[in-house]
PDB file of N, CA and C in Angstrom:
ATOM      1  N   MET A   1       0.770  -1.111   0.028  1.00  0.00           N
ATOM      2  CA  MET A   1       0.006   0.030   0.019  1.00  0.00           C
ATOM      3  C   MET A   1       0.970   1.225   0.013  1.00  0.00           C
ATOM      4  N   ILE A   2       0.606   2.217  -0.862  1.00  0.00           N
ATOM      5  CA  ILE A   2       1.377   3.364  -1.041  1.00  0.00           C
ATOM      6  C   ILE A   2       0.693   4.664  -0.674  1.00  0.00           C
ATOM      7  N   GLY A   3      -0.584   4.471  -0.441  1.00  0.00           N
ATOM      8  CA  GLY A   3      -1.397   5.677  -0.021  1.00  0.00           C
ATOM      9  C   GLY A   3      -2.733   5.190   0.562  1.00  0.00           C
ATOM     10  N   GLN A   4      -3.180   5.968   1.535  1.00  0.00           N
ATOM     11  CA  GLN A   4      -4.519   5.819   1.958  1.00  0.00           C
ATOM     12  C   GLN A   4      -5.222   7.229   2.347  1.00  0.00           C
ATOM     13  N   GLY A   5      -6.447   7.094   2.487  1.00  0.00           N
ATOM     14  CA  GLY A   5      -7.065   8.450   2.915  1.00  0.00           C
ATOM     15  C   GLY A   5      -8.413   8.125   3.464  1.00  0.00           C
ATOM     16  N   PHE A   6      -8.868   9.138   4.300  1.00  0.00           N
ATOM     17  CA  PHE A   6     -10.144   9.029   4.983  1.00  0.00           C
ATOM     18  C   PHE A   6     -10.745  10.405   4.718  1.00  0.00           C
ATOM     19  N   ASN A   7     -12.094  10.383   4.503  1.00  0.00           N
ATOM     20  CA  ASN A   7     -12.873  11.692   4.385  1.00  0.00           C
ATOM     21  C   ASN A   7     -12.579  12.577   5.507  1.00  0.00           C
ATOM     22  N   GLN A   8     -12.398  13.839   5.308  1.00  0.00           N
ATOM     23  CA  GLN A   8     -12.068  14.755   6.292  1.00  0.00           C
ATOM     24  C   GLN A   8     -13.222  15.801   6.452  1.00  0.00           C
ATOM     25  N   PRO A   9     -13.449  16.301   7.636  1.00  0.00           N
ATOM     26  CA  PRO A   9     -14.564  17.172   7.936  1.00  0.00           C
ATOM     27  C   PRO A   9     -14.258  18.542   7.483  1.00  0.00           C
ATOM     28  N   SER A  10     -15.204  19.363   7.089  1.00  0.00           N
ATOM     29  CA  SER A  10     -15.035  20.820   6.858  1.00  0.00           C
ATOM     30  C   SER A  10     -14.190  21.073   5.595  1.00  0.00           C
ATOM     31  N   ASN A  11     -14.175  20.072   4.827  1.00  0.00           N
ATOM     32  CA  ASN A  11     -13.417  20.226   3.456  1.00  0.00           C
ATOM     33  C   ASN A  11     -14.018  19.510   2.347  1.00  0.00           C
ATOM     34  N   PRO A  12     -14.723  20.250   1.402  1.00  0.00           N
ATOM     35  CA  PRO A  12     -15.543  19.576   0.287  1.00  0.00           C
ATOM     36  C   PRO A  12     -14.723  18.785  -0.628  1.00  0.00           C
ATOM     37  N   VAL A  13     -13.295  18.934  -0.649  1.00  0.00           N
ATOM     38  CA  VAL A  13     -12.714  18.077  -1.654  1.00  0.00           C
ATOM     39  C   VAL A  13     -11.755  17.101  -0.983  1.00  0.00           C
ATOM     40  N   ALA A  14     -11.744  17.057   0.327  1.00  0.00           N
ATOM     41  CA  ALA A  14     -10.893  15.956   1.123  1.00  0.00           C
ATOM     42  C   ALA A  14     -11.683  14.662   1.326  1.00  0.00           C
ATOM     43  N   HIS A  15     -11.862  14.086   0.019  1.00  0.00           N
ATOM     44  CA  HIS A  15     -12.556  12.811   0.040  1.00  0.00           C
ATOM     45  C   HIS A  15     -11.360  11.744   0.113  1.00  0.00           C
ATOM     46  N   ALA A  16     -11.752  10.517   0.710  1.00  0.00           N
ATOM     47  CA  ALA A  16     -10.698   9.486   0.922  1.00  0.00           C
ATOM     48  C   ALA A  16      -9.994   9.245  -0.403  1.00  0.00           C
ATOM     49  N   GLU A  17     -10.633   9.127  -1.510  1.00  0.00           N
ATOM     50  CA  GLU A  17      -9.934   8.756  -2.700  1.00  0.00           C
ATOM     51  C   GLU A  17      -8.897   9.911  -3.187  1.00  0.00           C
ATOM     52  N   VAL A  18      -9.218  11.053  -3.167  1.00  0.00           N
ATOM     53  CA  VAL A  18      -8.329  12.209  -3.445  1.00  0.00           C
ATOM     54  C   VAL A  18      -7.122  12.240  -2.434  1.00  0.00           C
ATOM     55  N   LEU A  19      -7.374  11.864  -1.253  1.00  0.00           N
ATOM     56  CA  LEU A  19      -6.322  11.946  -0.248  1.00  0.00           C
ATOM     57  C   LEU A  19      -5.435  10.774  -0.388  1.00  0.00           C
ATOM     58  N   ALA A  20      -5.976   9.562  -0.735  1.00  0.00           N
ATOM     59  CA  ALA A  20      -5.014   8.430  -1.155  1.00  0.00           C
ATOM     60  C   ALA A  20      -4.335   8.512  -2.371  1.00  0.00           C
ATOM     61  N   LEU A  21      -4.901   9.235  -3.373  1.00  0.00           N
ATOM     62  CA  LEU A  21      -4.171   9.541  -4.725  1.00  0.00           C
ATOM     63  C   LEU A  21      -3.113  10.551  -4.381  1.00  0.00           C
ATOM     64  N   GLN A  22      -3.265  11.490  -3.590  1.00  0.00           N
ATOM     65  CA  GLN A  22      -2.196  12.452  -3.203  1.00  0.00           C
ATOM     66  C   GLN A  22      -1.145  11.704  -2.441  1.00  0.00           C
ATOM     67  N   GLU A  23      -1.402  10.864  -1.465  1.00  0.00           N
ATOM     68  CA  GLU A  23      -0.380  10.327  -0.798  1.00  0.00           C
ATOM     69  C   GLU A  23       0.443   9.327  -1.533  1.00  0.00           C
ATOM     70  N   ALA A  24      -0.289   8.530  -2.457  1.00  0.00           N
ATOM     71  CA  ALA A  24       0.505   7.644  -3.393  1.00  0.00           C
ATOM     72  C   ALA A  24       1.284   8.427  -4.342  1.00  0.00           C
ATOM     73  N   ALA A  25       0.842   9.640  -4.887  1.00  0.00           N
ATOM     74  CA  ALA A  25       1.700  10.414  -5.770  1.00  0.00           C
ATOM     75  C   ALA A  25       2.798  10.936  -5.042  1.00  0.00           C
ATOM     76  N   ALA A  26       2.895  11.270  -3.742  1.00  0.00           N
ATOM     77  CA  ALA A  26       3.914  11.706  -3.026  1.00  0.00           C
ATOM     78  C   ALA A  26       4.898  10.518  -2.785  1.00  0.00           C
ATOM     79  N   THR A  27       4.384   9.393  -2.531  1.00  0.00           N
ATOM     80  CA  THR A  27       5.238   8.313  -2.224  1.00  0.00           C
ATOM     81  C   THR A  27       6.114   7.867  -3.444  1.00  0.00           C
ATOM     82  N   LEU A  28       5.447   7.940  -4.673  1.00  0.00           N
ATOM     83  CA  LEU A  28       6.060   7.579  -5.818  1.00  0.00           C
ATOM     84  C   LEU A  28       6.798   8.739  -6.539  1.00  0.00           C
ATOM     85  N   ASN A  29       6.565   9.971  -5.989  1.00  0.00           N
ATOM     86  CA  ASN A  29       7.121  11.111  -6.572  1.00  0.00           C
ATOM     87  C   ASN A  29       6.711  11.277  -8.117  1.00  0.00           C
ATOM     88  N   ASN A  30       5.300  10.967  -8.364  1.00  0.00           N
ATOM     89  CA  ASN A  30       4.854  10.938  -9.682  1.00  0.00           C
ATOM     90  C   ASN A  30       3.388  10.959  -9.507  1.00  0.00           C
ATOM     91  N   TYR A  31       2.774  11.839 -10.268  1.00  0.00           N
ATOM     92  CA  TYR A  31       1.226  11.897 -10.233  1.00  0.00           C
ATOM     93  C   TYR A  31       0.681  10.860 -11.032  1.00  0.00           C
ATOM     94  N   ARG A  32       1.381  10.184 -11.903  1.00  0.00           N
ATOM     95  CA  ARG A  32       0.791   9.279 -12.783  1.00  0.00           C
ATOM     96  C   ARG A  32       1.055   7.908 -12.044  1.00  0.00           C
ATOM     97  N   LEU A  33      -0.083   7.308 -11.669  1.00  0.00           N
ATOM     98  CA  LEU A  33      -0.104   6.093 -10.920  1.00  0.00           C
ATOM     99  C   LEU A  33      -0.491   4.850 -11.784  1.00  0.00           C
ATOM    100  N   VAL A  34       0.282   4.805 -12.781  1.00  0.00           N
ATOM    101  CA  VAL A  34      -0.221   3.831 -13.974  1.00  0.00           C
ATOM    102  C   VAL A  34      -0.375   2.352 -13.474  1.00  0.00           C
ATOM    103  N   ASP A  35       0.464   1.824 -12.706  1.00  0.00           N
ATOM    104  CA  ASP A  35       0.322   0.332 -12.381  1.00  0.00           C
ATOM    105  C   ASP A  35      -0.402   0.236 -11.049  1.00  0.00           C
ATOM    106  N   CYS A  36      -1.171   1.281 -10.517  1.00  0.00           N
ATOM    107  CA  CYS A  36      -1.709   1.145  -9.257  1.00  0.00           C
ATOM    108  C   CYS A  36      -3.256   0.874  -9.324  1.00  0.00           C
ATOM    109  N   GLU A  37      -3.718   0.376  -8.242  1.00  0.00           N
ATOM    110  CA  GLU A  37      -5.078   0.031  -8.032  1.00  0.00           C
ATOM    111  C   GLU A  37      -5.641   0.646  -6.829  1.00  0.00           C
ATOM    112  N   LEU A  38      -6.808   1.171  -6.918  1.00  0.00           N
ATOM    113  CA  LEU A  38      -7.426   2.030  -5.821  1.00  0.00           C
ATOM    114  C   LEU A  38      -8.653   1.114  -5.264  1.00  0.00           C
ATOM    115  N   TYR A  39      -8.577   0.902  -3.979  1.00  0.00           N
ATOM    116  CA  TYR A  39      -9.542   0.087  -3.338  1.00  0.00           C
ATOM    117  C   TYR A  39     -10.339   0.992  -2.302  1.00  0.00           C
ATOM    118  N   VAL A  40     -11.633   1.127  -2.597  1.00  0.00           N
ATOM    119  CA  VAL A  40     -12.451   2.061  -1.755  1.00  0.00           C
ATOM    120  C   VAL A  40     -13.747   1.360  -1.231  1.00  0.00           C
ATOM    121  N   THR A  41     -14.170   1.777  -0.181  1.00  0.00           N
ATOM    122  CA  THR A  41     -15.388   1.180   0.519  1.00  0.00           C
ATOM    123  C   THR A  41     -16.703   1.498  -0.335  1.00  0.00           C
ATOM    124  N   LEU A  42     -16.718   2.744  -0.736  1.00  0.00           N
ATOM    125  CA  LEU A  42     -17.896   3.331  -1.401  1.00  0.00           C
ATOM    126  C   LEU A  42     -17.617   3.813  -2.781  1.00  0.00           C
ATOM    127  N   GLU A  43     -18.476   3.632  -3.766  1.00  0.00           N
ATOM    128  CA  GLU A  43     -18.446   4.132  -5.081  1.00  0.00           C
ATOM    129  C   GLU A  43     -17.968   5.546  -5.025  1.00  0.00           C
ATOM    130  N   PRO A  44     -16.872   5.937  -5.707  1.00  0.00           N
ATOM    131  CA  PRO A  44     -16.410   7.370  -5.757  1.00  0.00           C
ATOM    132  C   PRO A  44     -17.480   8.230  -6.422  1.00  0.00           C
ATOM    133  N   CYS A  45     -17.422   9.516  -6.118  1.00  0.00           N
ATOM    134  CA  CYS A  45     -18.158  10.556  -6.753  1.00  0.00           C
ATOM    135  C   CYS A  45     -17.625  10.983  -8.004  1.00  0.00           C
ATOM    136  N   THR A  46     -18.339  11.883  -8.642  1.00  0.00           N
ATOM    137  CA  THR A  46     -17.683  12.358 -10.019  1.00  0.00           C
ATOM    138  C   THR A  46     -16.366  13.109  -9.910  1.00  0.00           C
ATOM    139  N   MET A  47     -16.373  13.861  -8.792  1.00  0.00           N
ATOM    140  CA  MET A  47     -15.014  14.566  -8.638  1.00  0.00           C
ATOM    141  C   MET A  47     -13.976  13.587  -8.433  1.00  0.00           C
ATOM    142  N   CYS A  48     -14.127  12.534  -7.657  1.00  0.00           N
ATOM    143  CA  CYS A  48     -13.104  11.543  -7.364  1.00  0.00           C
ATOM    144  C   CYS A  48     -12.828  10.804  -8.762  1.00  0.00           C
ATOM    145  N   ALA A  49     -13.850  10.507  -9.526  1.00  0.00           N
ATOM    146  CA  ALA A  49     -13.590   9.802 -10.786  1.00  0.00           C
ATOM    147  C   ALA A  49     -12.791  10.594 -11.614  1.00  0.00           C
ATOM    148  N   GLY A  50     -12.883  11.882 -11.660  1.00  0.00           N
ATOM    149  CA  GLY A  50     -11.904  12.832 -12.601  1.00  0.00           C
ATOM    150  C   GLY A  50     -10.574  12.661 -11.994  1.00  0.00           C
ATOM    151  N   ALA A  51     -10.437  12.674 -10.661  1.00  0.00           N
ATOM    152  CA  ALA A  51      -8.965  12.446 -10.019  1.00  0.00           C
ATOM    153  C   ALA A  51      -8.416  11.159 -10.443  1.00  0.00           C
ATOM    154  N   ILE A  52      -9.314  10.107 -10.296  1.00  0.00           N
ATOM    155  CA  ILE A  52      -8.861   8.907 -10.692  1.00  0.00           C
ATOM    156  C   ILE A  52      -8.232   8.689 -12.189  1.00  0.00           C
ATOM    157  N   ILE A  53      -9.098   9.313 -13.054  1.00  0.00           N
ATOM    158  CA  ILE A  53      -8.728   9.462 -14.476  1.00  0.00           C
ATOM    159  C   ILE A  53      -7.449  10.238 -14.721  1.00  0.00           C
ATOM    160  N   HIS A  54      -7.155  11.368 -14.122  1.00  0.00           N
ATOM    161  CA  HIS A  54      -6.011  12.092 -14.254  1.00  0.00           C
ATOM    162  C   HIS A  54      -4.758  11.515 -13.576  1.00  0.00           C
ATOM    163  N   SER A  55      -4.995  10.564 -12.565  1.00  0.00           N
ATOM    164  CA  SER A  55      -3.865   9.976 -12.082  1.00  0.00           C
ATOM    165  C   SER A  55      -3.500   8.851 -12.817  1.00  0.00           C
ATOM    166  N   ARG A  56      -4.257   8.443 -13.765  1.00  0.00           N
ATOM    167  CA  ARG A  56      -4.064   7.143 -14.595  1.00  0.00           C
ATOM    168  C   ARG A  56      -3.832   5.963 -13.764  1.00  0.00           C
ATOM    169  N   ILE A  57      -4.765   5.809 -12.709  1.00  0.00           N
ATOM    170  CA  ILE A  57      -4.908   4.517 -12.025  1.00  0.00           C
ATOM    171  C   ILE A  57      -5.256   3.432 -13.047  1.00  0.00           C
ATOM    172  N   LYS A  58      -4.781   2.233 -12.810  1.00  0.00           N
ATOM    173  CA  LYS A  58      -5.076   1.194 -13.688  1.00  0.00           C
ATOM    174  C   LYS A  58      -6.429   0.712 -13.471  1.00  0.00           C
ATOM    175  N   ARG A  59      -6.780   0.509 -12.170  1.00  0.00           N
ATOM    176  CA  ARG A  59      -8.242  -0.103 -11.844  1.00  0.00           C
ATOM    177  C   ARG A  59      -8.670   0.430 -10.534  1.00  0.00           C
ATOM    178  N   VAL A  60     -10.027   0.560 -10.486  1.00  0.00           N
ATOM    179  CA  VAL A  60     -10.595   1.137  -9.162  1.00  0.00           C
ATOM    180  C   VAL A  60     -11.590  -0.091  -8.811  1.00  0.00           C
ATOM    181  N   ILE A  61     -11.345  -0.367  -7.480  1.00  0.00           N
ATOM    182  CA  ILE A  61     -12.203  -1.663  -6.988  1.00  0.00           C
ATOM    183  C   ILE A  61     -13.071  -0.959  -5.782  1.00  0.00           C
ATOM    184  N   PHE A  62     -14.382  -1.128  -5.808  1.00  0.00           N
ATOM    185  CA  PHE A  62     -15.107  -0.675  -4.692  1.00  0.00           C
ATOM    186  C   PHE A  62     -16.283  -1.630  -4.274  1.00  0.00           C
ATOM    187  N   GLY A  63     -16.762  -1.570  -3.030  1.00  0.00           N
ATOM    188  CA  GLY A  63     -17.645  -2.336  -2.472  1.00  0.00           C
ATOM    189  C   GLY A  63     -19.188  -1.906  -2.643  1.00  0.00           C
ATOM    190  N   ALA A  64     -19.612  -0.851  -2.041  1.00  0.00           N
ATOM    191  CA  ALA A  64     -20.966  -0.458  -1.946  1.00  0.00           C
ATOM    192  C   ALA A  64     -21.174   0.600  -2.949  1.00  0.00           C
ATOM    193  N   LEU A  65     -22.372   0.707  -3.630  1.00  0.00           N
ATOM    194  CA  LEU A  65     -22.927   1.670  -4.497  1.00  0.00           C
ATOM    195  C   LEU A  65     -23.202   2.924  -3.652  1.00  0.00           C
ATOM    196  N   GLU A  66     -23.018   4.154  -4.286  1.00  0.00           N
ATOM    197  CA  GLU A  66     -23.510   5.378  -3.786  1.00  0.00           C
ATOM    198  C   GLU A  66     -24.690   5.888  -4.597  1.00  0.00           C
ATOM    199  N   PRO A  67     -25.964   5.611  -4.248  1.00  0.00           N
ATOM    200  CA  PRO A  67     -27.125   5.819  -5.066  1.00  0.00           C
ATOM    201  C   PRO A  67     -27.389   7.304  -5.299  1.00  0.00           C
ATOM    202  N   LYS A  68     -26.830   8.314  -4.285  1.00  0.00           N
ATOM    203  CA  LYS A  68     -27.002   9.636  -4.333  1.00  0.00           C
ATOM    204  C   LYS A  68     -26.116  10.290  -5.169  1.00  0.00           C
ATOM    205  N   ALA A  69     -24.798  10.008  -5.132  1.00  0.00           N
ATOM    206  CA  ALA A  69     -23.693  10.781  -5.850  1.00  0.00           C
ATOM    207  C   ALA A  69     -22.701   9.947  -6.406  1.00  0.00           C
ATOM    208  N   GLY A  70     -23.021   8.636  -6.745  1.00  0.00           N
ATOM    209  CA  GLY A  70     -21.965   7.790  -7.280  1.00  0.00           C
ATOM    210  C   GLY A  70     -21.677   8.244  -8.707  1.00  0.00           C
ATOM    211  N   GLY A  71     -20.240   8.277  -9.010  1.00  0.00           N
ATOM    212  CA  GLY A  71     -19.686   8.822 -10.160  1.00  0.00           C
ATOM    213  C   GLY A  71     -19.231   7.821 -11.116  1.00  0.00           C
ATOM    214  N   LEU A  72     -19.425   6.514 -10.772  1.00  0.00           N
ATOM    215  CA  LEU A  72     -18.843   5.520 -11.645  1.00  0.00           C
ATOM    216  C   LEU A  72     -20.051   4.576 -12.145  1.00  0.00           C
ATOM    217  N   VAL A  73     -21.138   4.391 -11.398  1.00  0.00           N
ATOM    218  CA  VAL A  73     -22.286   3.557 -11.710  1.00  0.00           C
ATOM    219  C   VAL A  73     -23.595   4.154 -11.467  1.00  0.00           C
ATOM    220  N   SER A  74     -23.764   4.462 -10.226  1.00  0.00           N
ATOM    221  CA  SER A  74     -25.110   4.884  -9.860  1.00  0.00           C
ATOM    222  C   SER A  74     -25.803   6.159 -10.312  1.00  0.00           C
ATOM    223  N   GLN A  75     -25.077   7.303 -10.480  1.00  0.00           N
ATOM    224  CA  GLN A  75     -25.536   8.595 -11.098  1.00  0.00           C
ATOM    225  C   GLN A  75     -24.905   8.908 -12.411  1.00  0.00           C
ATOM    226  N   ASN A  76     -23.640   8.750 -12.319  1.00  0.00           N
ATOM    227  CA  ASN A  76     -22.876   9.118 -13.626  1.00  0.00           C
ATOM    228  C   ASN A  76     -21.925   7.854 -13.937  1.00  0.00           C
ATOM    229  N   ARG A  77     -21.579   7.758 -15.110  1.00  0.00           N
ATOM    230  CA  ARG A  77     -20.715   6.789 -15.703  1.00  0.00           C
ATOM    231  C   ARG A  77     -19.490   7.418 -16.120  1.00  0.00           C
ATOM    232  N   THR A  78     -18.761   8.199 -15.173  1.00  0.00           N
ATOM    233  CA  THR A  78     -17.611   9.092 -15.662  1.00  0.00           C
ATOM    234  C   THR A  78     -16.536   8.312 -16.433  1.00  0.00           C
ATOM    235  N   LEU A  79     -16.290   7.152 -15.866  1.00  0.00           N
ATOM    236  CA  LEU A  79     -15.130   6.393 -16.555  1.00  0.00           C
ATOM    237  C   LEU A  79     -15.529   5.921 -17.992  1.00  0.00           C
ATOM    238  N   GLU A  80     -16.800   6.020 -18.332  1.00  0.00           N
ATOM    239  CA  GLU A  80     -17.293   5.453 -19.619  1.00  0.00           C
ATOM    240  C   GLU A  80     -17.509   6.649 -20.666  1.00  0.00           C
ATOM    241  N   LEU A  81     -17.421   7.923 -20.314  1.00  0.00           N
ATOM    242  CA  LEU A  81     -17.635   8.814 -21.089  1.00  0.00           C
ATOM    243  C   LEU A  81     -16.609   8.864 -22.341  1.00  0.00           C
ATOM    244  N   PRO A  82     -17.227   8.924 -23.557  1.00  0.00           N
ATOM    245  CA  PRO A  82     -16.356   8.717 -24.669  1.00  0.00           C
ATOM    246  C   PRO A  82     -15.332   9.689 -24.926  1.00  0.00           C
ATOM    247  N   TYR A  83     -15.331  10.773 -24.400  1.00  0.00           N
ATOM    248  CA  TYR A  83     -14.321  11.904 -24.561  1.00  0.00           C
ATOM    249  C   TYR A  83     -13.084  12.000 -23.522  1.00  0.00           C
ATOM    250  N   MET A  84     -13.343  10.949 -22.609  1.00  0.00           N
ATOM    251  CA  MET A  84     -12.211  10.852 -21.609  1.00  0.00           C
ATOM    252  C   MET A  84     -10.875  10.343 -22.282  1.00  0.00           C
ATOM    253  N   ASN A  85      -9.866  10.916 -21.960  1.00  0.00           N
ATOM    254  CA  ASN A  85      -8.589  10.459 -22.692  1.00  0.00           C
ATOM    255  C   ASN A  85      -7.728   9.345 -22.104  1.00  0.00           C
ATOM    256  N   TYR A  86      -8.362   8.741 -21.126  1.00  0.00           N
ATOM    257  CA  TYR A  86      -7.838   7.488 -20.483  1.00  0.00           C
ATOM    258  C   TYR A  86      -8.870   6.504 -19.907  1.00  0.00           C
ATOM    259  N   ARG A  87      -8.648   5.297 -19.994  1.00  0.00           N
ATOM    260  CA  ARG A  87      -9.747   4.271 -19.653  1.00  0.00           C
ATOM    261  C   ARG A  87      -9.198   3.629 -18.374  1.00  0.00           C
ATOM    262  N   VAL A  88     -10.205   3.558 -17.313  1.00  0.00           N
ATOM    263  CA  VAL A  88      -9.844   2.902 -16.183  1.00  0.00           C
ATOM    264  C   VAL A  88     -10.646   1.742 -15.852  1.00  0.00           C
ATOM    265  N   GLU A  89     -10.105   0.670 -15.628  1.00  0.00           N
ATOM    266  CA  GLU A  89     -10.799  -0.567 -15.245  1.00  0.00           C
ATOM    267  C   GLU A  89     -11.713  -0.534 -13.899  1.00  0.00           C
ATOM    268  N   MET A  90     -12.635  -1.077 -13.820  1.00  0.00           N
ATOM    269  CA  MET A  90     -13.473  -0.875 -12.582  1.00  0.00           C
ATOM    270  C   MET A  90     -14.125  -2.334 -12.185  1.00  0.00           C
ATOM    271  N   THR A  91     -13.914  -2.547 -10.823  1.00  0.00           N
ATOM    272  CA  THR A  91     -14.712  -3.699 -10.361  1.00  0.00           C
ATOM    273  C   THR A  91     -15.517  -3.221  -9.168  1.00  0.00           C
ATOM    274  N   SER A  92     -16.843  -3.582  -9.154  1.00  0.00           N
ATOM    275  CA  SER A  92     -17.797  -2.980  -8.125  1.00  0.00           C
ATOM    276  C   SER A  92     -18.343  -4.296  -7.395  1.00  0.00           C
ATOM    277  N   GLY A  93     -18.928  -4.078  -6.293  1.00  0.00           N
ATOM    278  CA  GLY A  93     -19.741  -4.981  -5.523  1.00  0.00           C
ATOM    279  C   GLY A  93     -18.858  -5.921  -4.646  1.00  0.00           C
ATOM    280  N   VAL A  94     -17.405  -5.581  -4.429  1.00  0.00           N
ATOM    281  CA  VAL A  94     -16.542  -6.405  -3.615  1.00  0.00           C
ATOM    282  C   VAL A  94     -16.830  -6.230  -2.152  1.00  0.00           C
ATOM    283  N   LEU A  95     -17.266  -7.263  -1.580  1.00  0.00           N
ATOM    284  CA  LEU A  95     -17.557  -7.255  -0.090  1.00  0.00           C
ATOM    285  C   LEU A  95     -18.726  -6.190   0.123  1.00  0.00           C
ATOM    286  N   GLU A  96     -19.646  -6.240  -0.711  1.00  0.00           N
ATOM    287  CA  GLU A  96     -20.724  -5.164  -0.863  1.00  0.00           C
ATOM    288  C   GLU A  96     -21.423  -5.007   0.549  1.00  0.00           C
ATOM    289  N   GLU A  97     -21.996  -6.108   1.189  1.00  0.00           N
ATOM    290  CA  GLU A  97     -22.562  -5.901   2.405  1.00  0.00           C
ATOM    291  C   GLU A  97     -21.728  -5.294   3.579  1.00  0.00           C
ATOM    292  N   GLU A  98     -20.523  -5.792   3.614  1.00  0.00           N
ATOM    293  CA  GLU A  98     -19.712  -5.427   4.545  1.00  0.00           C
ATOM    294  C   GLU A  98     -19.297  -4.022   4.525  1.00  0.00           C
ATOM    295  N   CYS A  99     -18.970  -3.525   3.291  1.00  0.00           N
ATOM    296  CA  CYS A  99     -18.660  -2.046   2.940  1.00  0.00           C
ATOM    297  C   CYS A  99     -20.033  -1.199   3.201  1.00  0.00           C
ATOM    298  N   SER A 100     -21.219  -1.717   2.863  1.00  0.00           N
ATOM    299  CA  SER A 100     -22.402  -0.970   3.226  1.00  0.00           C
ATOM    300  C   SER A 100     -22.540  -0.745   4.761  1.00  0.00           C
ATOM    301  N   GLU A 101     -22.168  -1.626   5.473  1.00  0.00           N
ATOM    302  CA  GLU A 101     -22.384  -1.659   6.934  1.00  0.00           C
ATOM    303  C   GLU A 101     -21.257  -0.550   7.404  1.00  0.00           C
ATOM    304  N   ILE A 102     -19.978  -0.563   6.887  1.00  0.00           N
ATOM    305  CA  ILE A 102     -19.122   0.225   7.322  1.00  0.00           C
ATOM    306  C   ILE A 102     -19.313   1.778   7.021  1.00  0.00           C
ATOM    307  N   ILE A 103     -20.036   1.909   5.819  1.00  0.00           N
ATOM    308  CA  ILE A 103     -20.434   3.368   5.420  1.00  0.00           C
ATOM    309  C   ILE A 103     -21.599   3.664   6.392  1.00  0.00           C
ATOM    310  N   SER A 104     -22.538   2.830   6.533  1.00  0.00           N
ATOM    311  CA  SER A 104     -23.582   3.088   7.406  1.00  0.00           C
ATOM    312  C   SER A 104     -23.147   3.594   8.843  1.00  0.00           C
ATOM    313  N   SER A 105     -22.255   2.847   9.305  1.00  0.00           N
ATOM    314  CA  SER A 105     -21.691   3.052  10.783  1.00  0.00           C
ATOM    315  C   SER A 105     -21.092   4.463  10.695  1.00  0.00           C
ATOM    316  N   PHE A 106     -20.291   4.894   9.738  1.00  0.00           N
ATOM    317  CA  PHE A 106     -19.526   5.975   9.624  1.00  0.00           C
ATOM    318  C   PHE A 106     -20.538   7.237   9.656  1.00  0.00           C
ATOM    319  N   PHE A 107     -21.586   7.134   8.749  1.00  0.00           N
ATOM    320  CA  PHE A 107     -22.457   8.277   8.617  1.00  0.00           C
ATOM    321  C   PHE A 107     -23.334   8.474   9.873  1.00  0.00           C
ATOM    322  N   ARG A 108     -23.535   7.188  10.490  1.00  0.00           N
ATOM    323  CA  ARG A 108     -24.291   7.274  11.850  1.00  0.00           C
ATOM    324  C   ARG A 108     -23.647   8.001  12.795  1.00  0.00           C
ATOM    325  N   ALA A 109     -22.285   7.633  13.020  1.00  0.00           N
ATOM    326  CA  ALA A 109     -21.464   8.340  14.093  1.00  0.00           C
ATOM    327  C   ALA A 109     -21.371   9.811  13.858  1.00  0.00           C
ATOM    328  N   ARG A 110     -21.269  10.074  12.511  1.00  0.00           N
ATOM    329  CA  ARG A 110     -21.259  11.684  12.198  1.00  0.00           C
ATOM    330  C   ARG A 110     -22.568  12.438  12.520  1.00  0.00           C
ATOM    331  N   ARG A 111     -23.656  11.826  12.270  1.00  0.00           N
ATOM    332  CA  ARG A 111     -24.897  12.382  12.662  1.00  0.00           C
ATOM    333  C   ARG A 111     -24.912  12.401  14.112  1.00  0.00           C
ATOM    334  N   GLU A 112     -24.472  11.297  14.894  1.00  0.00           N
ATOM    335  CA  GLU A 112     -24.501  11.398  16.338  1.00  0.00           C
ATOM    336  C   GLU A 112     -23.637  12.493  16.937  1.00  0.00           C
ATOM    337  N   ALA A 113     -22.504  12.625  16.371  1.00  0.00           N
ATOM    338  CA  ALA A 113     -21.518  13.644  16.808  1.00  0.00           C
ATOM    339  C   ALA A 113     -22.106  15.021  16.663  1.00  0.00           C
ATOM    340  N   LYS A 114     -22.698  15.303  15.587  1.00  0.00           N
ATOM    341  CA  LYS A 114     -23.351  16.615  15.116  1.00  0.00           C
ATOM    342  C   LYS A 114     -24.370  16.867  16.163  1.00  0.00           C
ATOM    343  N   LYS A 115     -25.257  15.862  16.490  1.00  0.00           N
ATOM    344  CA  LYS A 115     -26.328  16.107  17.568  1.00  0.00           C
ATOM    345  C   LYS A 115     -25.740  16.403  18.882  1.00  0.00           C
ATOM    346  N   ALA A 116     -24.684  15.664  19.195  1.00  0.00           N
ATOM    347  CA  ALA A 116     -23.944  15.884  20.583  1.00  0.00           C
ATOM    348  C   ALA A 116     -23.394  17.413  20.581  1.00  0.00           C
ATOM    349  N   GLU A 117     -22.804  17.885  19.580  1.00  0.00           N
ATOM    350  CA  GLU A 117     -22.282  19.153  19.439  1.00  0.00           C
ATOM    351  C   GLU A 117     -23.395  20.203  19.582  1.00  0.00           C
ATOM    352  N   LYS A 118     -24.471  19.944  19.004  1.00  0.00           N
ATOM    353  CA  LYS A 118     -25.537  20.988  19.070  1.00  0.00           C
ATOM    354  C   LYS A 118     -26.082  21.016  20.457  1.00  0.00           C
ATOM    355  N   ARG A 119     -26.240  19.828  21.125  1.00  0.00           N
ATOM    356  CA  ARG A 119     -26.662  19.741  22.536  1.00  0.00           C
ATOM    357  C   ARG A 119     -25.640  20.543  23.340  1.00  0.00           C
ATOM    358  N   ARG A 120     -24.471  20.328  23.113  1.00  0.00           N
ATOM    359  CA  ARG A 120     -23.328  20.957  23.998  1.00  0.00           C
ATOM    360  C   ARG A 120     -23.351  22.452  23.891  1.00  0.00           C
ATOM    361  N   LEU A 121     -23.607  22.912  22.557  1.00  0.00           N
ATOM    362  CA  LEU A 121     -23.689  24.253  22.406  1.00  0.00           C
ATOM    363  C   LEU A 121     -24.923  25.004  23.008  1.00  0.00           C
ATOM    364  N   LYS A 122     -26.055  24.250  23.102  1.00  0.00           N
ATOM    365  CA  LYS A 122     -27.177  24.732  23.652  1.00  0.00           C
ATOM    366  C   LYS A 122     -27.101  24.878  25.163  1.00  0.00           C
ATOM    367  N   LEU A 123     -26.130  24.130  25.819  1.00  0.00           N
ATOM    368  CA  LEU A 123     -25.880  24.196  27.207  1.00  0.00           C
ATOM    369  C   LEU A 123     -24.884  25.394  27.699  1.00  0.00           C
ATOM    370  N   CYS A 124     -24.237  25.903  26.646  1.00  0.00           N
ATOM    371  CA  CYS A 124     -23.381  26.951  26.866  1.00  0.00           C
ATOM    372  C   CYS A 124     -24.019  28.323  26.919  1.00  0.00           C
TER     373      CYS A 124
END
């Protein structure tokens, strides 16, 4: 593994995929990640799909679909657009149930943290 990333709060472009690509590029000292594969829990959004294409990732593998903002299968098929200058292989549905549970737990924890923060602010 040459790069990893986790979604960051309060930053609209700090998605796990983008951060993993940045770390991998820094590790290899090259933004072209030609022989690399990207493994992600959730289907990347359209922004991340663009970063995947520009980085020249060989293949992206993901588990759960993202029905609201998926950029590879669910909402947009960015990797299949005819005018894209690079083709990325894609595998979806890998450990789909497990990935769906991870994502559900992540967003549940975020919602609970926001509620707790609102309650804390009301007490001040």
